[in-house]
Amino acid sequence: KLMPLIEELLKELEIKIQDIDVIAVSEGPGSYTGLRIGAAIAKS
């Protein structure tokens, strides 16, 4: 669900990833799986 949410949000705001200046991400602690997924998406 996370990447589709991001794609839909950017679409609704008419913003492309090239318009973004900074990625903010929760680094942990928390769910191991959730943190790994969030980190992978943020890094990509």
Full PDB file with SEQRES, HELIX, SHEET, SSBOND, CRYST1, ORIGX, SCALE, CONECT and MASTER records, all heavy atoms in Angstrom:
SEQRES   1 A   44  LYS LEU MET PRO LEU ILE GLU GLU LEU LEU LYS GLU LEU          
SEQRES   2 A   44  GLU ILE LYS ILE GLN ASP ILE ASP VAL ILE ALA VAL SER          
SEQRES   3 A   44  GLU GLY PRO GLY SER TYR THR GLY LEU ARG ILE GLY ALA          
SEQRES   4 A   44  ALA ILE ALA LYS SER                                          
HELIX    1 AA1 LEU A    2  LEU A   13  1                                  12    
HELIX    2 AA2 ILE A   17  ASP A   19  5                                   3    
HELIX    3 AA3 TYR A   32  LYS A   43  1                                  12    
CRYST1    1.000    1.000    1.000  90.00  90.00  90.00 P 1           1          
ORIGX1      1.000000  0.000000  0.000000        0.00000                         
ORIGX2      0.000000  1.000000  0.000000        0.00000                         
ORIGX3      0.000000  0.000000  1.000000        0.00000                         
SCALE1      1.000000  0.000000  0.000000        0.00000                         
SCALE2      0.000000  1.000000  0.000000        0.00000                         
SCALE3      0.000000  0.000000  1.000000        0.00000                         
ATOM      1  N   LYS A   1       0.776  -1.239   0.000  1.00  0.00           N  
ATOM      2  CA  LYS A   1       0.000   0.000   0.000  1.00  0.00           C  
ATOM      3  C   LYS A   1       0.810   1.294   0.000  1.00  0.00           C  
ATOM      4  O   LYS A   1       0.312   2.328  -0.454  1.00  0.00           O  
ATOM      5  CB  LYS A   1      -0.949   0.019   1.194  1.00  0.00           C  
ATOM      6  CG  LYS A   1      -0.280  -0.048   2.559  1.00  0.00           C  
ATOM      7  CD  LYS A   1      -1.305  -0.257   3.662  1.00  0.00           C  
ATOM      8  CE  LYS A   1      -0.639  -0.443   5.021  1.00  0.00           C  
ATOM      9  NZ  LYS A   1      -1.596  -0.718   6.089  1.00  0.00           N  
ATOM     10  N   LEU A   2       2.055   1.266   0.490  1.00  0.00           N  
ATOM     11  CA  LEU A   2       2.750   2.526   0.689  1.00  0.00           C  
ATOM     12  C   LEU A   2       3.128   3.218  -0.621  1.00  0.00           C  
ATOM     13  O   LEU A   2       2.845   4.413  -0.807  1.00  0.00           O  
ATOM     14  CB  LEU A   2       3.999   2.302   1.551  1.00  0.00           C  
ATOM     15  CG  LEU A   2       4.715   3.554   2.045  1.00  0.00           C  
ATOM     16  CD1 LEU A   2       3.750   4.522   2.710  1.00  0.00           C  
ATOM     17  CD2 LEU A   2       5.834   3.180   3.001  1.00  0.00           C  
ATOM     18  N   MET A   3       3.742   2.496  -1.545  1.00  0.00           N  
ATOM     19  CA  MET A   3       4.137   3.130  -2.807  1.00  0.00           C  
ATOM     20  C   MET A   3       2.926   3.597  -3.609  1.00  0.00           C  
ATOM     21  O   MET A   3       2.942   4.710  -4.165  1.00  0.00           O  
ATOM     22  CB  MET A   3       5.013   2.178  -3.632  1.00  0.00           C  
ATOM     23  CG  MET A   3       5.730   2.875  -4.784  1.00  0.00           C  
ATOM     24  SD  MET A   3       6.857   4.167  -4.180  1.00  0.00           S  
ATOM     25  CE  MET A   3       6.870   5.270  -5.600  1.00  0.00           C  
ATOM     26  N   PRO A   4       1.842   2.803  -3.704  1.00  0.00           N  
ATOM     27  CA  PRO A   4       0.638   3.315  -4.384  1.00  0.00           C  
ATOM     28  C   PRO A   4       0.079   4.576  -3.735  1.00  0.00           C  
ATOM     29  O   PRO A   4      -0.427   5.471  -4.436  1.00  0.00           O  
ATOM     30  CB  PRO A   4      -0.349   2.150  -4.284  1.00  0.00           C  
ATOM     31  CG  PRO A   4       0.512   0.939  -4.220  1.00  0.00           C  
ATOM     32  CD  PRO A   4       1.711   1.356  -3.412  1.00  0.00           C  
ATOM     33  N   LEU A   5       0.160   4.678  -2.407  1.00  0.00           N  
ATOM     34  CA  LEU A   5      -0.295   5.892  -1.723  1.00  0.00           C  
ATOM     35  C   LEU A   5       0.541   7.098  -2.149  1.00  0.00           C  
ATOM     36  O   LEU A   5       0.004   8.183  -2.412  1.00  0.00           O  
ATOM     37  CB  LEU A   5      -0.192   5.717  -0.209  1.00  0.00           C  
ATOM     38  CG  LEU A   5      -1.291   4.944   0.512  1.00  0.00           C  
ATOM     39  CD1 LEU A   5      -0.981   4.916   2.014  1.00  0.00           C  
ATOM     40  CD2 LEU A   5      -2.656   5.551   0.273  1.00  0.00           C  
ATOM     41  N   ILE A   6       1.852   6.906  -2.211  1.00  0.00           N  
ATOM     42  CA  ILE A   6       2.742   7.998  -2.612  1.00  0.00           C  
ATOM     43  C   ILE A   6       2.461   8.424  -4.044  1.00  0.00           C  
ATOM     44  O   ILE A   6       2.349   9.621  -4.352  1.00  0.00           O  
ATOM     45  CB  ILE A   6       4.216   7.569  -2.458  1.00  0.00           C  
ATOM     46  CG1 ILE A   6       4.546   7.335  -0.980  1.00  0.00           C  
ATOM     47  CG2 ILE A   6       5.153   8.615  -3.052  1.00  0.00           C  
ATOM     48  CD1 ILE A   6       5.892   6.680  -0.742  1.00  0.00           C  
ATOM     49  N   GLU A   7       2.314   7.443  -4.933  1.00  0.00           N  
ATOM     50  CA  GLU A   7       2.046   7.752  -6.338  1.00  0.00           C  
ATOM     51  C   GLU A   7       0.731   8.498  -6.494  1.00  0.00           C  
ATOM     52  O   GLU A   7       0.632   9.468  -7.274  1.00  0.00           O  
ATOM     53  CB  GLU A   7       2.035   6.459  -7.162  1.00  0.00           C  
ATOM     54  CG  GLU A   7       3.405   5.799  -7.265  1.00  0.00           C  
ATOM     55  CD  GLU A   7       3.340   4.429  -7.905  1.00  0.00           C  
ATOM     56  OE1 GLU A   7       2.218   3.848  -7.977  1.00  0.00           O  
ATOM     57  OE2 GLU A   7       4.396   3.917  -8.325  1.00  0.00           O  
ATOM     58  N   GLU A   8      -0.300   8.065  -5.763  1.00  0.00           N  
ATOM     59  CA  GLU A   8      -1.602   8.718  -5.852  1.00  0.00           C  
ATOM     60  C   GLU A   8      -1.556  10.135  -5.282  1.00  0.00           C  
ATOM     61  O   GLU A   8      -2.172  11.064  -5.820  1.00  0.00           O  
ATOM     62  CB  GLU A   8      -2.655   7.890  -5.120  1.00  0.00           C  
ATOM     63  CG  GLU A   8      -4.079   8.404  -5.243  1.00  0.00           C  
ATOM     64  CD  GLU A   8      -4.603   8.403  -6.675  1.00  0.00           C  
ATOM     65  OE1 GLU A   8      -4.087   7.622  -7.501  1.00  0.00           O  
ATOM     66  OE2 GLU A   8      -5.520   9.184  -6.970  1.00  0.00           O  
ATOM     67  N   LEU A   9      -0.822  10.315  -4.183  1.00  0.00           N  
ATOM     68  CA  LEU A   9      -0.710  11.643  -3.585  1.00  0.00           C  
ATOM     69  C   LEU A   9      -0.024  12.616  -4.535  1.00  0.00           C  
ATOM     70  O   LEU A   9      -0.503  13.753  -4.731  1.00  0.00           O  
ATOM     71  CB  LEU A   9       0.068  11.555  -2.266  1.00  0.00           C  
ATOM     72  CG  LEU A   9       0.314  12.877  -1.538  1.00  0.00           C  
ATOM     73  CD1 LEU A   9      -1.003  13.542  -1.151  1.00  0.00           C  
ATOM     74  CD2 LEU A   9       1.187  12.670  -0.303  1.00  0.00           C  
ATOM     75  N   LEU A  10       1.087  12.195  -5.129  1.00  0.00           N  
ATOM     76  CA  LEU A  10       1.787  13.062  -6.071  1.00  0.00           C  
ATOM     77  C   LEU A  10       0.912  13.385  -7.275  1.00  0.00           C  
ATOM     78  O   LEU A  10       0.892  14.528  -7.768  1.00  0.00           O  
ATOM     79  CB  LEU A  10       3.092  12.404  -6.526  1.00  0.00           C  
ATOM     80  CG  LEU A  10       4.166  12.206  -5.451  1.00  0.00           C  
ATOM     81  CD1 LEU A  10       5.377  11.494  -6.028  1.00  0.00           C  
ATOM     82  CD2 LEU A  10       4.584  13.537  -4.839  1.00  0.00           C  
ATOM     83  N   LYS A  11       0.154  12.384  -7.731  1.00  0.00           N  
ATOM     84  CA  LYS A  11      -0.756  12.603  -8.861  1.00  0.00           C  
ATOM     85  C   LYS A  11      -1.819  13.632  -8.509  1.00  0.00           C  
ATOM     86  O   LYS A  11      -2.103  14.548  -9.305  1.00  0.00           O  
ATOM     87  CB  LYS A  11      -1.410  11.273  -9.256  1.00  0.00           C  
ATOM     88  CG  LYS A  11      -2.418  11.392 -10.392  1.00  0.00           C  
ATOM     89  CD  LYS A  11      -3.043  10.037 -10.695  1.00  0.00           C  
ATOM     90  CE  LYS A  11      -4.127  10.147 -11.759  1.00  0.00           C  
ATOM     91  NZ  LYS A  11      -4.773   8.829 -12.017  1.00  0.00           N  
ATOM     92  N   GLU A  12      -2.441  13.490  -7.340  1.00  0.00           N  
ATOM     93  CA  GLU A  12      -3.501  14.419  -6.933  1.00  0.00           C  
ATOM     94  C   GLU A  12      -2.971  15.842  -6.764  1.00  0.00           C  
ATOM     95  O   GLU A  12      -3.680  16.819  -7.029  1.00  0.00           O  
ATOM     96  CB  GLU A  12      -4.137  13.950  -5.617  1.00  0.00           C  
ATOM     97  CG  GLU A  12      -4.989  12.704  -5.744  1.00  0.00           C  
ATOM     98  CD  GLU A  12      -6.235  12.941  -6.584  1.00  0.00           C  
ATOM     99  OE1 GLU A  12      -6.792  14.072  -6.539  1.00  0.00           O  
ATOM    100  OE2 GLU A  12      -6.645  12.017  -7.295  1.00  0.00           O  
ATOM    101  N   LEU A  13      -1.733  15.967  -6.318  1.00  0.00           N  
ATOM    102  CA  LEU A  13      -1.137  17.294  -6.128  1.00  0.00           C  
ATOM    103  C   LEU A  13      -0.493  17.835  -7.398  1.00  0.00           C  
ATOM    104  O   LEU A  13       0.009  18.971  -7.397  1.00  0.00           O  
ATOM    105  CB  LEU A  13      -0.081  17.229  -5.014  1.00  0.00           C  
ATOM    106  CG  LEU A  13      -0.604  16.929  -3.603  1.00  0.00           C  
ATOM    107  CD1 LEU A  13       0.568  16.772  -2.627  1.00  0.00           C  
ATOM    108  CD2 LEU A  13      -1.551  18.025  -3.120  1.00  0.00           C  
ATOM    109  N   GLU A  14      -0.497  17.016  -8.447  1.00  0.00           N  
ATOM    110  CA  GLU A  14       0.123  17.387  -9.730  1.00  0.00           C  
ATOM    111  C   GLU A  14       1.603  17.736  -9.523  1.00  0.00           C  
ATOM    112  O   GLU A  14       2.111  18.739 -10.026  1.00  0.00           O  
ATOM    113  CB  GLU A  14      -0.629  18.541 -10.389  1.00  0.00           C  
ATOM    114  CG  GLU A  14      -2.084  18.189 -10.716  1.00  0.00           C  
ATOM    115  CD  GLU A  14      -2.834  19.337 -11.381  1.00  0.00           C  
ATOM    116  OE1 GLU A  14      -2.409  20.504 -11.209  1.00  0.00           O  
ATOM    117  OE2 GLU A  14      -3.826  19.067 -12.068  1.00  0.00           O  
ATOM    118  N   ILE A  15       2.267  16.863  -8.755  1.00  0.00           N  
ATOM    119  CA  ILE A  15       3.681  17.034  -8.443  1.00  0.00           C  
ATOM    120  C   ILE A  15       4.436  15.802  -8.921  1.00  0.00           C  
ATOM    121  O   ILE A  15       3.978  14.674  -8.739  1.00  0.00           O  
ATOM    122  CB  ILE A  15       3.883  17.229  -6.920  1.00  0.00           C  
ATOM    123  CG1 ILE A  15       3.328  18.589  -6.484  1.00  0.00           C  
ATOM    124  CG2 ILE A  15       5.353  17.106  -6.534  1.00  0.00           C  
ATOM    125  CD1 ILE A  15       3.357  18.786  -4.987  1.00  0.00           C  
ATOM    126  N   LYS A  16       5.610  16.014  -9.514  1.00  0.00           N  
ATOM    127  CA  LYS A  16       6.483  14.920  -9.911  1.00  0.00           C  
ATOM    128  C   LYS A  16       7.618  14.797  -8.904  1.00  0.00           C  
ATOM    129  O   LYS A  16       7.913  15.732  -8.159  1.00  0.00           O  
ATOM    130  CB  LYS A  16       7.043  15.177 -11.309  1.00  0.00           C  
ATOM    131  CG  LYS A  16       5.974  15.251 -12.397  1.00  0.00           C  
ATOM    132  CD  LYS A  16       6.601  15.539 -13.749  1.00  0.00           C  
ATOM    133  CE  LYS A  16       5.523  15.625 -14.831  1.00  0.00           C  
ATOM    134  NZ  LYS A  16       6.096  15.942 -16.165  1.00  0.00           N  
ATOM    135  N   ILE A  17       8.248  13.646  -8.898  1.00  0.00           N  
ATOM    136  CA  ILE A  17       9.351  13.444  -7.963  1.00  0.00           C  
ATOM    137  C   ILE A  17      10.449  14.478  -8.210  1.00  0.00           C  
ATOM    138  O   ILE A  17      11.166  14.884  -7.285  1.00  0.00           O  
ATOM    139  CB  ILE A  17       9.905  11.995  -8.058  1.00  0.00           C  
ATOM    140  CG1 ILE A  17      10.842  11.702  -6.872  1.00  0.00           C  
ATOM    141  CG2 ILE A  17      10.593  11.776  -9.393  1.00  0.00           C  
ATOM    142  CD1 ILE A  17      10.199  11.754  -5.524  1.00  0.00           C  
ATOM    143  N   GLN A  18      10.561  14.962  -9.460  1.00  0.00           N  
ATOM    144  CA  GLN A  18      11.568  15.976  -9.774  1.00  0.00           C  
ATOM    145  C   GLN A  18      11.269  17.317  -9.097  1.00  0.00           C  
ATOM    146  O   GLN A  18      12.156  18.173  -8.980  1.00  0.00           O  
ATOM    147  CB  GLN A  18      11.656  16.184 -11.297  1.00  0.00           C  
ATOM    148  CG  GLN A  18      12.219  15.002 -12.061  1.00  0.00           C  
ATOM    149  CD  GLN A  18      11.171  13.951 -12.383  1.00  0.00           C  
ATOM    150  OE1 GLN A  18      10.022  14.055 -11.960  1.00  0.00           O  
ATOM    151  NE2 GLN A  18      11.572  12.948 -13.159  1.00  0.00           N  
ATOM    152  N   ASP A  19      10.021  17.498  -8.657  1.00  0.00           N  
ATOM    153  CA  ASP A  19       9.648  18.740  -7.971  1.00  0.00           C  
ATOM    154  C   ASP A  19       9.973  18.706  -6.481  1.00  0.00           C  
ATOM    155  O   ASP A  19       9.916  19.733  -5.807  1.00  0.00           O  
ATOM    156  CB  ASP A  19       8.146  19.007  -8.135  1.00  0.00           C  
ATOM    157  CG  ASP A  19       7.726  19.137  -9.595  1.00  0.00           C  
ATOM    158  OD1 ASP A  19       8.482  19.777 -10.360  1.00  0.00           O  
ATOM    159  OD2 ASP A  19       6.662  18.604  -9.959  1.00  0.00           O  
ATOM    160  N   ILE A  20      10.270  17.514  -5.969  1.00  0.00           N  
ATOM    161  CA  ILE A  20      10.560  17.342  -4.548  1.00  0.00           C  
ATOM    162  C   ILE A  20      12.012  17.738  -4.264  1.00  0.00           C  
ATOM    163  O   ILE A  20      12.917  17.467  -5.065  1.00  0.00           O  
ATOM    164  CB  ILE A  20      10.316  15.882  -4.110  1.00  0.00           C  
ATOM    165  CG1 ILE A  20       8.840  15.504  -4.330  1.00  0.00           C  
ATOM    166  CG2 ILE A  20      10.711  15.671  -2.661  1.00  0.00           C  
ATOM    167  CD1 ILE A  20       7.856  16.289  -3.498  1.00  0.00           C  
ATOM    168  N   ASP A  21      12.235  18.383  -3.123  1.00  0.00           N  
ATOM    169  CA  ASP A  21      13.579  18.812  -2.737  1.00  0.00           C  
ATOM    170  C   ASP A  21      14.217  17.911  -1.683  1.00  0.00           C  
ATOM    171  O   ASP A  21      15.443  17.766  -1.645  1.00  0.00           O  
ATOM    172  CB  ASP A  21      13.536  20.245  -2.186  1.00  0.00           C  
ATOM    173  CG  ASP A  21      13.046  21.241  -3.217  1.00  0.00           C  
ATOM    174  OD1 ASP A  21      13.722  21.406  -4.250  1.00  0.00           O  
ATOM    175  OD2 ASP A  21      11.979  21.843  -2.991  1.00  0.00           O  
ATOM    176  N   VAL A  22      13.393  17.321  -0.817  1.00  0.00           N  
ATOM    177  CA  VAL A  22      13.900  16.514   0.291  1.00  0.00           C  
ATOM    178  C   VAL A  22      12.941  15.362   0.569  1.00  0.00           C  
ATOM    179  O   VAL A  22      11.722  15.540   0.485  1.00  0.00           O  
ATOM    180  CB  VAL A  22      14.050  17.360   1.586  1.00  0.00           C  
ATOM    181  CG1 VAL A  22      14.558  16.494   2.742  1.00  0.00           C  
ATOM    182  CG2 VAL A  22      14.967  18.539   1.379  1.00  0.00           C  
ATOM    183  N   ILE A  23      13.495  14.203   0.895  1.00  0.00           N  
ATOM    184  CA  ILE A  23      12.704  13.071   1.371  1.00  0.00           C  
ATOM    185  C   ILE A  23      12.878  12.976   2.888  1.00  0.00           C  
ATOM    186  O   ILE A  23      13.999  12.893   3.386  1.00  0.00           O  
ATOM    187  CB  ILE A  23      13.164  11.736   0.750  1.00  0.00           C  
ATOM    188  CG1 ILE A  23      13.125  11.781  -0.779  1.00  0.00           C  
ATOM    189  CG2 ILE A  23      12.316  10.578   1.292  1.00  0.00           C  
ATOM    190  CD1 ILE A  23      11.751  11.762  -1.376  1.00  0.00           C  
ATOM    191  N   ALA A  24      11.774  13.028   3.615  1.00  0.00           N  
ATOM    192  CA  ALA A  24      11.814  12.836   5.073  1.00  0.00           C  
ATOM    193  C   ALA A  24      11.258  11.456   5.389  1.00  0.00           C  
ATOM    194  O   ALA A  24      10.214  11.068   4.864  1.00  0.00           O  
ATOM    195  CB  ALA A  24      10.993  13.910   5.783  1.00  0.00           C  
ATOM    196  N   VAL A  25      11.940  10.720   6.242  1.00  0.00           N  
ATOM    197  CA  VAL A  25      11.509   9.355   6.539  1.00  0.00           C  
ATOM    198  C   VAL A  25      11.769   9.027   8.004  1.00  0.00           C  
ATOM    199  O   VAL A  25      12.763   9.460   8.594  1.00  0.00           O  
ATOM    200  CB  VAL A  25      12.232   8.344   5.614  1.00  0.00           C  
ATOM    201  CG1 VAL A  25      13.734   8.400   5.798  1.00  0.00           C  
ATOM    202  CG2 VAL A  25      11.706   6.932   5.803  1.00  0.00           C  
ATOM    203  N   SER A  26      10.862   8.287   8.591  1.00  0.00           N  
ATOM    204  CA  SER A  26      11.026   7.803   9.959  1.00  0.00           C  
ATOM    205  C   SER A  26      12.081   6.702   9.958  1.00  0.00           C  
ATOM    206  O   SER A  26      11.949   5.701   9.257  1.00  0.00           O  
ATOM    207  CB  SER A  26       9.690   7.275  10.485  1.00  0.00           C  
ATOM    208  OG  SER A  26       9.787   6.862  11.817  1.00  0.00           O  
ATOM    209  N   GLU A  27      13.150   6.888  10.747  1.00  0.00           N  
ATOM    210  CA  GLU A  27      14.278   5.959  10.686  1.00  0.00           C  
ATOM    211  C   GLU A  27      14.151   4.794  11.657  1.00  0.00           C  
ATOM    212  O   GLU A  27      14.913   3.841  11.600  1.00  0.00           O  
ATOM    213  CB  GLU A  27      15.580   6.703  10.975  1.00  0.00           C  
ATOM    214  CG  GLU A  27      15.745   7.152  12.413  1.00  0.00           C  
ATOM    215  CD  GLU A  27      17.126   7.734  12.705  1.00  0.00           C  
ATOM    216  OE1 GLU A  27      17.903   7.908  11.752  1.00  0.00           O  
ATOM    217  OE2 GLU A  27      17.417   7.995  13.875  1.00  0.00           O  
ATOM    218  N   GLY A  28      13.192   4.841  12.597  1.00  0.00           N  
ATOM    219  CA  GLY A  28      13.050   3.807  13.603  1.00  0.00           C  
ATOM    220  C   GLY A  28      13.279   4.383  14.982  1.00  0.00           C  
ATOM    221  O   GLY A  28      13.673   5.549  15.121  1.00  0.00           O  
ATOM    222  N   PRO A  29      12.982   3.575  15.992  1.00  0.00           N  
ATOM    223  CA  PRO A  29      12.600   2.162  15.963  1.00  0.00           C  
ATOM    224  C   PRO A  29      11.150   1.969  15.527  1.00  0.00           C  
ATOM    225  O   PRO A  29      10.430   2.934  15.283  1.00  0.00           O  
ATOM    226  CB  PRO A  29      12.788   1.742  17.422  1.00  0.00           C  
ATOM    227  CG  PRO A  29      12.438   2.985  18.185  1.00  0.00           C  
ATOM    228  CD  PRO A  29      12.990   4.114  17.369  1.00  0.00           C  
ATOM    229  N   GLY A  30      10.752   0.702  15.469  1.00  0.00           N  
ATOM    230  CA  GLY A  30       9.401   0.361  15.075  1.00  0.00           C  
ATOM    231  C   GLY A  30       9.363  -1.027  14.466  1.00  0.00           C  
ATOM    232  O   GLY A  30      10.227  -1.868  14.731  1.00  0.00           O  
ATOM    233  N   SER A  31       8.366  -1.253  13.640  1.00  0.00           N  
ATOM    234  CA  SER A  31       8.217  -2.530  12.955  1.00  0.00           C  
ATOM    235  C   SER A  31       9.413  -2.786  12.043  1.00  0.00           C  
ATOM    236  O   SER A  31       9.752  -1.943  11.200  1.00  0.00           O  
ATOM    237  CB  SER A  31       6.926  -2.516  12.130  1.00  0.00           C  
ATOM    238  OG  SER A  31       6.946  -3.481  11.107  1.00  0.00           O  
ATOM    239  N   TYR A  32      10.058  -3.931  12.195  1.00  0.00           N  
ATOM    240  CA  TYR A  32      11.214  -4.240  11.365  1.00  0.00           C  
ATOM    241  C   TYR A  32      10.857  -4.241   9.886  1.00  0.00           C  
ATOM    242  O   TYR A  32      11.545  -3.654   9.055  1.00  0.00           O  
ATOM    243  CB  TYR A  32      11.818  -5.585  11.779  1.00  0.00           C  
ATOM    244  CG  TYR A  32      12.502  -5.551  13.111  1.00  0.00           C  
ATOM    245  CD1 TYR A  32      11.809  -5.833  14.274  1.00  0.00           C  
ATOM    246  CD2 TYR A  32      13.847  -5.204  13.220  1.00  0.00           C  
ATOM    247  CE1 TYR A  32      12.426  -5.777  15.513  1.00  0.00           C  
ATOM    248  CE2 TYR A  32      14.479  -5.144  14.453  1.00  0.00           C  
ATOM    249  CZ  TYR A  32      13.760  -5.430  15.590  1.00  0.00           C  
ATOM    250  OH  TYR A  32      14.371  -5.355  16.819  1.00  0.00           O  
ATOM    251  N   THR A  33       9.758  -4.928   9.561  1.00  0.00           N  
ATOM    252  CA  THR A  33       9.341  -4.999   8.161  1.00  0.00           C  
ATOM    253  C   THR A  33       8.957  -3.623   7.648  1.00  0.00           C  
ATOM    254  O   THR A  33       9.360  -3.218   6.548  1.00  0.00           O  
ATOM    255  CB  THR A  33       8.156  -5.964   8.010  1.00  0.00           C  
ATOM    256  OG1 THR A  33       8.540  -7.257   8.474  1.00  0.00           O  
ATOM    257  CG2 THR A  33       7.723  -6.067   6.558  1.00  0.00           C  
ATOM    258  N   GLY A  34       8.165  -2.893   8.429  1.00  0.00           N  
ATOM    259  CA  GLY A  34       7.740  -1.568   8.010  1.00  0.00           C  
ATOM    260  C   GLY A  34       8.907  -0.632   7.782  1.00  0.00           C  
ATOM    261  O   GLY A  34       8.951   0.104   6.781  1.00  0.00           O  
ATOM    262  N   LEU A  35       9.873  -0.634   8.688  1.00  0.00           N  
ATOM    263  CA  LEU A  35      11.035   0.240   8.542  1.00  0.00           C  
ATOM    264  C   LEU A  35      11.851  -0.114   7.304  1.00  0.00           C  
ATOM    265  O   LEU A  35      12.335   0.775   6.591  1.00  0.00           O  
ATOM    266  CB  LEU A  35      11.913   0.154   9.787  1.00  0.00           C  
ATOM    267  CG  LEU A  35      11.348   0.800  11.056  1.00  0.00           C  
ATOM    268  CD1 LEU A  35      12.230   0.473  12.253  1.00  0.00           C  
ATOM    269  CD2 LEU A  35      11.208   2.306  10.890  1.00  0.00           C  
ATOM    270  N   ARG A  36      12.008  -1.406   7.049  1.00  0.00           N  
ATOM    271  CA  ARG A  36      12.773  -1.820   5.867  1.00  0.00           C  
ATOM    272  C   ARG A  36      12.081  -1.366   4.584  1.00  0.00           C  
ATOM    273  O   ARG A  36      12.729  -0.904   3.640  1.00  0.00           O  
ATOM    274  CB  ARG A  36      12.956  -3.340   5.871  1.00  0.00           C  
ATOM    275  CG  ARG A  36      13.914  -3.853   6.948  1.00  0.00           C  
ATOM    276  CD  ARG A  36      14.194  -5.339   6.769  1.00  0.00           C  
ATOM    277  NE  ARG A  36      15.049  -5.864   7.828  1.00  0.00           N  
ATOM    278  CZ  ARG A  36      14.657  -6.669   8.793  1.00  0.00           C  
ATOM    279  NH1 ARG A  36      13.387  -7.046   8.842  1.00  0.00           N  
ATOM    280  NH2 ARG A  36      15.497  -7.098   9.708  1.00  0.00           N  
ATOM    281  N   ILE A  37      10.771  -1.493   4.552  1.00  0.00           N  
ATOM    282  CA  ILE A  37      10.024  -1.087   3.357  1.00  0.00           C  
ATOM    283  C   ILE A  37      10.100   0.430   3.173  1.00  0.00           C  
ATOM    284  O   ILE A  37      10.352   0.927   2.069  1.00  0.00           O  
ATOM    285  CB  ILE A  37       8.557  -1.551   3.449  1.00  0.00           C  
ATOM    286  CG1 ILE A  37       8.495  -3.076   3.373  1.00  0.00           C  
ATOM    287  CG2 ILE A  37       7.708  -0.929   2.342  1.00  0.00           C  
ATOM    288  CD1 ILE A  37       7.145  -3.662   3.716  1.00  0.00           C  
ATOM    289  N   GLY A  38       9.888   1.168   4.259  1.00  0.00           N  
ATOM    290  CA  GLY A  38       9.973   2.625   4.170  1.00  0.00           C  
ATOM    291  C   GLY A  38      11.349   3.086   3.734  1.00  0.00           C  
ATOM    292  O   GLY A  38      11.485   4.011   2.918  1.00  0.00           O  
ATOM    293  N   ALA A  39      12.386   2.444   4.273  1.00  0.00           N  
ATOM    294  CA  ALA A  39      13.754   2.800   3.903  1.00  0.00           C  
ATOM    295  C   ALA A  39      14.024   2.506   2.435  1.00  0.00           C  
ATOM    296  O   ALA A  39      14.648   3.315   1.727  1.00  0.00           O  
ATOM    297  CB  ALA A  39      14.749   2.041   4.780  1.00  0.00           C  
ATOM    298  N   ALA A  40      13.556   1.352   1.957  1.00  0.00           N  
ATOM    299  CA  ALA A  40      13.776   0.979   0.556  1.00  0.00           C  
ATOM    300  C   ALA A  40      13.104   1.975  -0.384  1.00  0.00           C  
ATOM    301  O   ALA A  40      13.685   2.384  -1.399  1.00  0.00           O  
ATOM    302  CB  ALA A  40      13.249  -0.430   0.301  1.00  0.00           C  
ATOM    303  N   ILE A  41      11.880   2.379  -0.050  1.00  0.00           N  
ATOM    304  CA  ILE A  41      11.158   3.342  -0.889  1.00  0.00           C  
ATOM    305  C   ILE A  41      11.834   4.706  -0.843  1.00  0.00           C  
ATOM    306  O   ILE A  41      12.043   5.351  -1.881  1.00  0.00           O  
ATOM    307  CB  ILE A  41       9.686   3.444  -0.445  1.00  0.00           C  
ATOM    308  CG1 ILE A  41       8.955   2.133  -0.752  1.00  0.00           C  
ATOM    309  CG2 ILE A  41       8.984   4.611  -1.150  1.00  0.00           C  
ATOM    310  CD1 ILE A  41       7.535   2.078  -0.211  1.00  0.00           C  
ATOM    311  N   ALA A  42      12.184   5.162   0.359  1.00  0.00           N  
ATOM    312  CA  ALA A  42      12.835   6.469   0.488  1.00  0.00           C  
ATOM    313  C   ALA A  42      14.154   6.506  -0.281  1.00  0.00           C  
ATOM    314  O   ALA A  42      14.448   7.482  -0.994  1.00  0.00           O  
ATOM    315  CB  ALA A  42      13.073   6.780   1.968  1.00  0.00           C  
ATOM    316  N   LYS A  43      14.944   5.442  -0.172  1.00  0.00           N  
ATOM    317  CA  LYS A  43      16.232   5.404  -0.851  1.00  0.00           C  
ATOM    318  C   LYS A  43      16.063   5.358  -2.364  1.00  0.00           C  
ATOM    319  O   LYS A  43      16.789   6.051  -3.098  1.00  0.00           O  
ATOM    320  CB  LYS A  43      17.048   4.198  -0.368  1.00  0.00           C  
ATOM    321  CG  LYS A  43      17.576   4.357   1.058  1.00  0.00           C  
ATOM    322  CD  LYS A  43      18.084   3.055   1.630  1.00  0.00           C  
ATOM    323  CE  LYS A  43      19.400   2.622   1.037  1.00  0.00           C  
ATOM    324  NZ  LYS A  43      20.539   3.404   1.609  1.00  0.00           N  
ATOM    325  N   SER A  44      15.091   4.568  -2.843  1.00  0.00           N  
ATOM    326  CA  SER A  44      14.902   4.467  -4.292  1.00  0.00           C  
ATOM    327  C   SER A  44      14.430   5.796  -4.885  1.00  0.00           C  
ATOM    328  O   SER A  44      14.899   6.215  -5.953  1.00  0.00           O  
ATOM    329  CB  SER A  44      13.904   3.353  -4.626  1.00  0.00           C  
ATOM    330  OG  SER A  44      12.622   3.644  -4.114  1.00  0.00           O  
TER     331      SER A  44                                                      
MASTER        0    0    0    3    0    0    0    6  330    1    0    4          
END                                                                             
